[in-house]
Amino acid sequence: MRGPHATYRGDMAASLETSASLFCRSTLHFAARGSALEPEAVDVDILDARTADLPGWDECGFELLSGESAVSDWSSDDEVASIHHGEMEALARRLTGCDVALVSSHIKRGPEFARQHEDLAPIAFVHSDFAVGYDTLVRRSFDDPGREGAAQALERNGVTAADVAAASRLVILQSWRNLGPAKMDFPLAFCDARTVMPADARPIPVSDYAGSGIDFEAVAVLAPTSPDQYRWYAFPELQLDEVVAFRTYDTDLVERGDTWFTPHSAFHDPDVQVGRPARSSIELRAICLYE
């Protein structure tokens, strides 16, 4: 599944699709170039992805999908784990053509979760979740008997930790679903992966994420050098039965030196007062394995 995104480079944003209407102009926070990754605020146009003629996730990095679910109570973590994890595994298999997809956990964001830990607030910094080498941590995590969610995912799919370790390719496909009002204060924007290069990213350490004890490296995206270097999109008024899938890792792309990540960030919708209404969302990560 080698999408044509591998042939694009960050200075070609202007040559890509331009017919989309403007969603809003807002401020995104990048990592400043030539610094110790200090944040740099940049005003950018965020386009309406619903009006854009975009390719699928394997080219531009993200895709809007129908995501109907049998979950009746999204506030119940047990119900989400017992029903929705399997639903998203099935969706990931259909979308990627992988042999096995494993979902072992989920993350909810909103004011009540931010009060529990600041890492669970909307992340208003342009990033992608995993730097080069994360696949090694993933493979190890499924061999950890203390990871209950991982063990359940293996059992649900009839595979073992050895199967994860032996997979020839690993793709991480994440999903983002709005659980609250359609119009929210801090929706999520996605950068067309064809407009960003690995050289535009820097690894950043993440320690004890959300109090989980897990340490890893994420990716910070450097501030643009020209106004049209990156191309940003958002999906206005996302409904509960919709989900945005986006790629955050692919061992094949890492090996080839191509862009394996999809930059994304929360941004303030200028039409919505902060907190009225506040964003409420859920994210899942499907580990897609190829034999």
Protein backbone atom coordinates (compact mmCIF):
# COMPACT_ATOMS: atom_id res chain seq x y z
CA MET A 1 0.00 0.00 0.00
CA ARG A 2 2.48 2.61 -1.17
CA GLY A 3 0.45 5.74 -1.75
CA PRO A 4 1.60 8.49 -4.12
CA HIS A 5 2.07 10.83 -1.16
CA ALA A 6 5.67 9.61 -1.11
CA THR A 7 6.40 11.67 -4.24
CA TYR A 8 5.27 15.00 -2.76
CA ARG A 9 7.37 17.43 -0.79
CA GLY A 10 6.61 20.25 1.60
CA ASP A 11 7.07 23.03 -0.99
CA MET A 12 4.30 21.65 -3.23
CA ALA A 13 1.28 22.62 -1.12
CA ALA A 14 0.28 25.27 -3.62
CA SER A 15 0.01 22.65 -6.39
CA LEU A 16 -2.48 20.50 -4.47
CA GLU A 17 -6.26 20.78 -4.29
CA THR A 18 -7.35 24.40 -3.78
CA SER A 19 -11.11 24.33 -4.37
CA ALA A 20 -12.04 23.81 -0.72
CA SER A 21 -13.85 26.63 1.03
CA LEU A 22 -12.36 28.31 4.08
CA PHE A 23 -13.51 26.97 7.44
CA CYS A 24 -11.77 29.68 9.46
CA ARG A 25 -8.50 31.43 10.09
CA SER A 26 -6.96 30.49 13.40
CA THR A 27 -3.66 30.29 15.24
CA LEU A 28 -1.64 27.08 15.37
CA HIS A 29 1.39 26.58 17.58
CA PHE A 30 4.41 25.03 15.89
CA ALA A 31 7.96 24.36 17.07
CA ALA A 32 10.14 27.36 16.24
CA ARG A 33 12.93 26.67 13.79
CA GLY A 34 16.44 27.14 15.09
CA SER A 35 15.39 26.91 18.71
CA ALA A 36 15.00 24.33 21.45
CA LEU A 37 11.52 23.57 20.08
CA GLU A 38 9.97 26.61 21.71
CA PRO A 39 6.38 27.17 20.52
CA GLU A 40 5.78 29.65 17.71
CA ALA A 41 2.27 30.93 16.99
CA VAL A 42 1.35 31.13 13.31
CA ASP A 43 -1.97 32.28 11.84
CA VAL A 44 -3.12 29.83 9.16
CA ASP A 45 -6.09 29.20 6.90
CA ILE A 46 -7.96 26.06 7.89
CA LEU A 47 -9.96 24.71 4.97
CA ASP A 48 -13.30 22.93 5.07
CA ALA A 49 -12.40 19.30 4.34
CA ARG A 50 -16.03 18.50 3.56
CA THR A 51 -15.74 20.67 0.45
CA ALA A 52 -12.31 19.37 -0.59
CA ASP A 53 -11.49 16.78 -3.23
CA LEU A 54 -9.01 14.88 -1.07
CA PRO A 55 -7.58 11.39 -1.59
CA GLY A 56 -7.77 8.76 1.14
CA TRP A 57 -5.76 8.36 4.33
CA ASP A 58 -2.94 6.49 2.57
CA GLU A 59 -2.12 9.59 0.50
CA CYS A 60 -3.02 12.72 2.48
CA GLY A 61 -2.90 10.99 5.88
CA PHE A 62 -6.52 11.35 7.01
CA GLU A 63 -10.04 10.46 5.91
CA LEU A 64 -13.62 11.00 7.08
CA LEU A 65 -15.64 7.81 7.47
CA SER A 66 -19.07 6.65 8.49
CA GLY A 67 -18.60 5.36 12.01
CA GLU A 68 -21.87 4.09 13.35
CA SER A 69 -21.45 2.31 16.68
CA ALA A 70 -23.48 0.02 18.93
CA VAL A 71 -22.22 1.90 22.00
CA SER A 72 -25.16 3.40 23.88
CA ASP A 73 -23.27 5.01 26.77
CA TRP A 74 -20.02 6.70 25.75
CA SER A 75 -19.37 7.65 29.37
CA SER A 76 -18.90 3.96 30.23
CA ASP A 77 -15.29 2.94 29.64
CA ASP A 78 -16.27 -0.69 30.08
CA GLU A 79 -18.87 -0.46 27.31
CA VAL A 80 -16.46 1.38 25.04
CA ALA A 81 -13.80 -1.31 25.61
CA SER A 82 -16.16 -4.25 25.18
CA ILE A 83 -17.93 -2.92 22.07
CA HIS A 84 -16.09 -0.08 20.40
CA HIS A 85 -12.56 -1.51 20.48
CA GLY A 86 -13.72 -4.40 18.31
CA GLU A 87 -15.70 -2.08 16.04
CA MET A 88 -12.63 0.03 15.34
CA GLU A 89 -10.49 -3.04 14.76
CA ALA A 90 -12.95 -4.13 12.06
CA LEU A 91 -12.96 -0.65 10.53
CA ALA A 92 -9.15 -0.55 10.47
CA ARG A 93 -8.97 -3.94 8.76
CA ARG A 94 -11.42 -2.83 6.06
CA LEU A 95 -9.66 0.48 5.51
CA THR A 96 -6.05 -0.70 5.44
CA GLY A 97 -6.30 -4.29 4.21
CA CYS A 98 -4.11 -5.41 7.11
CA ASP A 99 -4.18 -8.97 8.41
CA VAL A 100 -4.88 -8.04 12.05
CA ALA A 101 -5.86 -4.82 13.82
CA LEU A 102 -5.48 -4.45 17.59
CA VAL A 103 -7.09 -1.76 19.77
CA SER A 104 -6.05 -1.99 23.40
CA SER A 105 -7.12 1.36 24.89
CA HIS A 106 -8.85 4.67 24.27
CA ILE A 107 -8.46 8.29 25.35
CA LYS A 108 -11.22 10.79 26.10
CA ARG A 109 -10.67 14.53 26.08
CA GLY A 110 -12.77 17.26 27.62
CA PRO A 111 -12.85 19.51 30.70
CA GLU A 112 -13.66 16.69 33.12
CA PHE A 113 -10.73 14.62 31.87
CA ALA A 114 -8.37 17.62 31.78
CA ARG A 115 -9.10 18.11 35.47
CA GLN A 116 -7.88 14.55 36.06
CA HIS A 117 -4.66 15.14 34.06
CA GLU A 118 -3.52 18.06 31.91
CA ASP A 119 -2.43 15.67 29.14
CA LEU A 120 -6.11 14.92 28.52
CA ALA A 121 -6.97 18.47 27.49
CA PRO A 122 -7.13 19.20 23.73
CA ILE A 123 -3.53 19.44 22.52
CA ALA A 124 -3.05 22.86 20.92
CA PHE A 125 0.42 22.15 19.53
CA VAL A 126 1.16 20.89 16.03
CA HIS A 127 2.39 17.35 16.48
CA SER A 128 2.06 13.74 15.52
CA ASP A 129 2.04 11.08 18.15
CA PHE A 130 5.03 8.86 17.38
CA ALA A 131 8.64 9.37 16.35
CA VAL A 132 10.83 6.84 14.54
CA GLY A 133 11.36 3.72 16.64
CA TYR A 134 7.91 3.64 18.20
CA ASP A 135 7.16 0.29 16.56
CA THR A 136 9.70 -1.32 18.88
CA LEU A 137 7.77 -0.06 21.92
CA VAL A 138 4.50 -1.29 20.42
CA ARG A 139 5.83 -4.79 19.86
CA ARG A 140 7.14 -4.92 23.43
CA SER A 141 3.85 -3.65 24.88
CA PHE A 142 1.94 -6.69 23.64
CA ASP A 143 4.41 -8.94 25.40
CA ASP A 144 3.77 -7.24 28.76
CA PRO A 145 1.45 -9.35 30.96
CA GLY A 146 0.60 -6.24 32.95
CA ARG A 147 -1.12 -4.60 29.97
CA GLU A 148 -4.67 -5.91 30.39
CA GLY A 149 -6.02 -4.10 27.34
CA ALA A 150 -3.27 -5.52 25.15
CA ALA A 151 -3.96 -9.05 26.38
CA GLN A 152 -7.68 -8.61 25.66
CA ALA A 153 -6.96 -7.34 22.15
CA LEU A 154 -4.74 -10.33 21.41
CA GLU A 155 -7.36 -12.77 22.70
CA ARG A 156 -10.19 -11.05 20.82
CA ASN A 157 -8.29 -11.41 17.55
CA GLY A 158 -6.82 -14.87 18.12
CA VAL A 159 -3.19 -13.78 17.88
CA THR A 160 -0.20 -13.75 20.21
CA ALA A 161 2.55 -11.36 21.19
CA ALA A 162 4.86 -13.43 19.00
CA ASP A 163 2.62 -12.63 16.01
CA VAL A 164 2.95 -8.92 16.75
CA ALA A 165 6.71 -9.23 17.03
CA ALA A 166 6.90 -11.13 13.73
CA ALA A 167 4.73 -8.75 11.67
CA SER A 168 6.56 -7.52 8.58
CA ARG A 169 4.81 -4.16 8.61
CA LEU A 170 3.11 -2.13 11.33
CA VAL A 171 0.75 0.79 10.71
CA ILE A 172 -0.88 2.86 13.43
CA LEU A 173 -4.25 4.17 12.30
CA GLN A 174 -5.89 6.49 14.81
CA SER A 175 -9.51 7.54 14.98
CA TRP A 176 -11.07 10.72 16.35
CA ARG A 177 -14.76 11.00 17.20
CA ASN A 178 -16.74 13.96 18.52
CA LEU A 179 -18.89 12.99 21.51
CA GLY A 180 -20.26 16.46 22.25
CA PRO A 181 -22.03 19.29 20.43
CA ALA A 182 -21.29 19.52 16.71
CA LYS A 183 -19.92 23.05 17.08
CA MET A 184 -17.14 23.07 19.68
CA ASP A 185 -14.44 25.41 21.01
CA PHE A 186 -11.35 23.38 20.10
CA PRO A 187 -11.89 21.07 17.11
CA LEU A 188 -9.06 19.16 15.48
CA ALA A 189 -7.21 20.23 12.33
CA PHE A 190 -5.26 17.85 10.10
CA CYS A 191 -2.33 18.68 7.84
CA ASP A 192 -2.20 17.13 4.37
CA ALA A 193 0.73 14.73 4.79
CA ARG A 194 1.79 15.39 1.19
CA THR A 195 2.80 18.93 2.21
CA VAL A 196 5.19 17.99 5.02
CA MET A 197 8.57 16.25 4.98
CA PRO A 198 10.39 14.25 7.66
CA ALA A 199 12.89 17.13 7.78
CA ASP A 200 10.05 19.36 9.03
CA ALA A 201 9.69 17.28 12.18
CA ARG A 202 11.68 16.84 15.37
CA PRO A 203 11.29 14.16 18.06
CA ILE A 204 10.12 15.38 21.46
CA PRO A 205 10.17 13.32 24.68
CA VAL A 206 6.90 12.47 26.40
CA SER A 207 7.19 11.25 29.99
CA ASP A 208 4.56 9.43 32.03
CA TYR A 209 1.82 10.26 29.55
CA ALA A 210 -1.42 11.10 31.40
CA GLY A 211 -0.04 9.37 34.48
CA SER A 212 0.24 6.03 32.69
CA GLY A 213 3.94 5.52 33.40
CA ILE A 214 4.57 5.28 29.64
CA ASP A 215 7.50 7.18 28.13
CA PHE A 216 7.98 7.65 24.38
CA GLU A 217 8.91 10.19 21.72
CA ALA A 218 6.32 12.15 19.75
CA VAL A 219 6.93 14.44 16.77
CA ALA A 220 6.88 18.24 16.84
CA VAL A 221 6.34 20.02 13.52
CA LEU A 222 8.49 23.02 12.69
CA ALA A 223 6.93 26.36 11.85
CA PRO A 224 6.32 26.90 8.13
CA THR A 225 8.90 28.83 6.16
CA SER A 226 6.25 30.22 3.80
CA PRO A 227 2.48 30.80 4.14
CA ASP A 228 1.57 27.95 1.76
CA GLN A 229 4.08 25.34 2.94
CA TYR A 230 1.50 23.24 4.78
CA ARG A 231 -2.16 22.66 3.91
CA TRP A 232 -4.60 22.45 6.84
CA TYR A 233 -8.13 21.01 6.96
CA ALA A 234 -10.91 20.45 9.47
CA PHE A 235 -14.33 18.78 9.28
CA PRO A 236 -16.99 21.23 10.52
CA GLU A 237 -19.71 20.00 12.86
CA LEU A 238 -18.70 16.37 13.18
CA GLN A 239 -21.56 14.09 14.13
CA LEU A 240 -21.50 11.16 16.55
CA ASP A 241 -21.78 8.65 13.70
CA GLU A 242 -18.72 10.06 11.91
CA VAL A 243 -15.07 9.32 12.57
CA VAL A 244 -11.82 10.73 11.21
CA ALA A 245 -9.13 8.12 10.64
CA PHE A 246 -5.52 9.31 10.39
CA ARG A 247 -2.14 7.61 10.10
CA THR A 248 0.48 8.26 12.76
CA TYR A 249 2.99 5.51 11.95
CA ASP A 250 3.99 3.17 9.13
CA THR A 251 7.15 1.08 9.26
CA ASP A 252 7.31 0.92 5.45
CA LEU A 253 7.32 4.71 5.14
CA VAL A 254 9.89 5.04 7.92
CA GLU A 255 12.15 2.56 6.14
CA ARG A 256 11.85 4.48 2.87
CA GLY A 257 12.47 7.84 4.53
CA ASP A 258 9.01 9.14 3.61
CA THR A 259 6.50 11.01 5.76
CA TRP A 260 5.02 8.45 8.14
CA PHE A 261 3.00 10.89 10.27
CA THR A 262 -0.01 13.18 9.94
CA PRO A 263 0.45 16.49 11.75
CA HIS A 264 -2.62 17.55 13.72
CA SER A 265 -3.57 20.06 16.38
CA ALA A 266 -6.51 21.42 18.29
CA PHE A 267 -7.35 24.98 17.30
CA HIS A 268 -9.77 27.59 18.58
CA ASP A 269 -12.86 28.04 16.44
CA PRO A 270 -13.27 31.84 16.48
CA ASP A 271 -17.07 31.47 16.35
CA VAL A 272 -17.20 29.61 19.67
CA GLN A 273 -16.48 31.03 23.11
CA VAL A 274 -14.03 28.85 25.02
CA GLY A 275 -15.98 26.29 26.99
CA ARG A 276 -19.34 27.14 25.41
CA PRO A 277 -19.48 24.40 24.39
CA ALA A 278 -16.25 22.65 25.28
CA ARG A 279 -14.92 19.87 23.12
CA SER A 280 -15.69 16.29 24.15
CA SER A 281 -14.02 13.56 22.10
CA ILE A 282 -12.62 10.04 22.06
CA GLU A 283 -9.50 8.68 20.32
CA LEU A 284 -8.47 5.10 19.60
CA ARG A 285 -5.32 3.65 18.05
CA ALA A 286 -5.49 0.57 15.90
CA ILE A 287 -2.22 -1.32 15.54
CA CYS A 288 -2.46 -2.73 12.02
CA LEU A 289 -0.27 -5.77 11.38
CA TYR A 290 0.80 -7.32 8.08
CA GLU A 291 2.23 -10.82 7.88
